[in-house]
Protein backbone atom coordinates (compact mmCIF):
# COMPACT_ATOMS: atom_id res chain seq x y z
CA MET A 1 -0.01 -0.34 -0.16
CA LEU A 2 1.58 3.59 -1.04
CA SER A 3 0.02 6.69 0.98
CA THR A 4 1.09 9.57 0.58
CA GLN A 5 0.59 13.42 2.12
CA GLY A 6 2.13 16.20 0.73
CA THR A 7 5.75 15.03 -0.23
CA ASN A 8 5.68 12.39 2.56
CA ILE A 9 5.67 8.89 1.60
CA THR A 10 4.59 5.71 3.98
CA ILE A 11 4.62 2.49 1.89
CA THR A 12 4.05 -1.19 2.91
CA ARG A 13 7.69 -2.57 3.09
CA GLY A 14 8.16 -4.72 -0.48
CA ASP A 15 5.48 -3.76 -2.44
CA SER A 16 6.17 -1.95 -5.40
CA ALA A 17 5.04 1.72 -5.72
CA TYR A 18 4.74 4.04 -8.73
CA ILE A 19 4.71 7.65 -7.97
CA THR A 20 4.32 10.49 -10.90
CA VAL A 21 6.66 13.39 -9.91
CA SER A 22 6.23 16.84 -11.23
CA ILE A 23 8.79 19.82 -11.84
CA THR A 24 8.46 23.22 -11.38
CA ASP A 25 10.59 26.25 -12.17
CA SER A 26 11.15 29.25 -9.36
CA LYS A 27 8.41 31.32 -10.56
CA GLY A 28 6.04 28.29 -11.36
CA ASN A 29 5.42 26.92 -14.01
CA PRO A 30 6.35 23.57 -15.21
CA TYR A 31 9.47 22.25 -16.39
CA THR A 32 10.23 19.88 -19.14
CA PRO A 33 13.46 17.67 -18.50
CA GLY A 34 14.92 16.80 -21.33
CA PRO A 35 16.99 13.52 -21.81
CA ASP A 36 20.32 15.11 -20.49
CA ASP A 37 18.76 16.37 -17.27
CA LYS A 38 19.79 13.84 -14.03
CA ILE A 39 16.79 12.98 -11.91
CA ARG A 40 17.12 10.97 -9.20
CA ALA A 41 15.58 10.24 -5.50
CA GLN A 42 17.57 8.79 -2.45
CA VAL A 43 16.41 7.42 0.69
CA ARG A 44 18.17 7.79 4.22
CA GLN A 45 17.67 6.61 7.82
CA ASP A 46 17.70 10.89 8.53
CA ALA A 47 19.12 13.86 6.96
CA SER A 48 22.96 13.39 9.03
CA ALA A 49 23.29 9.43 7.44
CA THR A 50 26.36 8.95 5.32
CA LYS A 51 24.40 5.35 4.01
CA ILE A 52 21.78 5.03 1.20
CA LEU A 53 18.75 2.86 2.14
CA PHE A 54 18.26 3.09 -1.67
CA GLU A 55 18.64 5.56 -5.00
CA SER A 56 16.59 5.27 -8.13
CA GLN A 57 17.38 7.17 -11.00
CA ILE A 58 13.75 9.15 -12.66
CA PRO A 59 13.66 9.43 -16.02
CA TYR A 60 13.27 12.13 -17.76
CA ASP A 61 10.48 11.01 -20.50
CA THR A 62 8.00 9.66 -17.86
CA LEU A 63 8.83 11.25 -14.41
CA VAL A 64 7.66 7.98 -12.40
CA TRP A 65 9.44 7.23 -9.75
CA HIS A 66 9.27 3.25 -9.57
CA ILE A 67 10.11 2.38 -6.09
CA LYS A 68 10.73 -1.58 -6.36
CA PRO A 69 10.09 -4.49 -3.84
CA GLU A 70 13.74 -4.68 -3.35
CA ASP A 71 13.98 -0.88 -2.16
CA THR A 72 11.92 -1.22 0.98
CA ALA A 73 12.58 -5.14 1.62
CA GLN A 74 15.09 -4.47 4.46
CA ALA A 75 14.59 -1.77 6.04
CA GLN A 76 12.83 -2.06 9.96
CA MET A 77 9.20 -1.40 9.69
CA GLY A 78 7.52 0.96 10.79
CA LYS A 79 10.38 3.20 11.37
CA SER A 80 10.33 6.39 9.09
CA TYR A 81 13.37 7.22 7.48
CA VAL A 82 13.83 10.69 5.04
CA TYR A 83 14.14 11.56 0.94
CA ASP A 84 14.88 13.78 -1.02
CA MET A 85 14.37 14.33 -5.12
CA GLU A 86 16.93 16.65 -7.04
CA ILE A 87 17.24 17.29 -10.38
CA GLU A 88 20.91 17.78 -12.44
CA THR A 89 20.94 19.76 -15.72
CA ALA A 90 22.26 19.28 -18.65
CA GLU A 91 24.52 22.69 -17.57
CA GLY A 92 25.09 21.09 -14.66
CA ASP A 93 22.94 23.03 -11.92
CA VAL A 94 21.67 20.81 -9.47
CA PHE A 95 18.20 22.08 -7.67
CA THR A 96 16.25 20.35 -4.75
CA PHE A 97 12.79 20.06 -6.59
CA ILE A 98 11.59 17.54 -3.39
CA PRO A 99 12.83 18.75 0.06
CA LEU A 100 13.74 17.04 2.79
CA SER A 101 10.56 14.76 3.27
CA SER A 102 9.79 11.76 5.55
CA PHE A 103 9.67 7.72 3.55
CA THR A 104 7.94 5.70 6.55
CA VAL A 105 8.01 1.44 5.91
CA SER A 106 4.88 0.68 7.29
CA LYS A 107 4.81 -2.89 9.25
CA GLU A 108 3.75 -6.00 6.98
CA VAL A 109 2.70 -9.26 7.27
CA THR A 110 2.25 -11.56 4.10
CA ARG A 111 6.15 -11.54 3.68
CA VAL A 112 7.28 -11.79 7.29
CA GLY A 113 9.91 -14.67 7.71
CA THR A 114 9.56 -15.62 4.14
CA GLU A 115 13.31 -13.44 3.51
């Protein structure tokens, strides 16, 4: 199960999710990324953690963040992590367009003990 509240995400551990991302410029206008732009999300235990729980590249042409079952399979159930999302433009500029937000991995029953 996936739920969102603003930029905060809750997902059941081991589930798949497809989240459509939108990017706006500093004036609030939609930004259409090009093939040389790189869009990525990182999920960590907390903002100062050096270890990444998982990182995803978001395709510029679909802007869909595909969270795979293996991305959260090792996450601690019931724990809140943090994530943000950025774009690195073809010109080399970097913009965080989703600031630090909550990424909560909720408990599951059906896969517990099957790892």
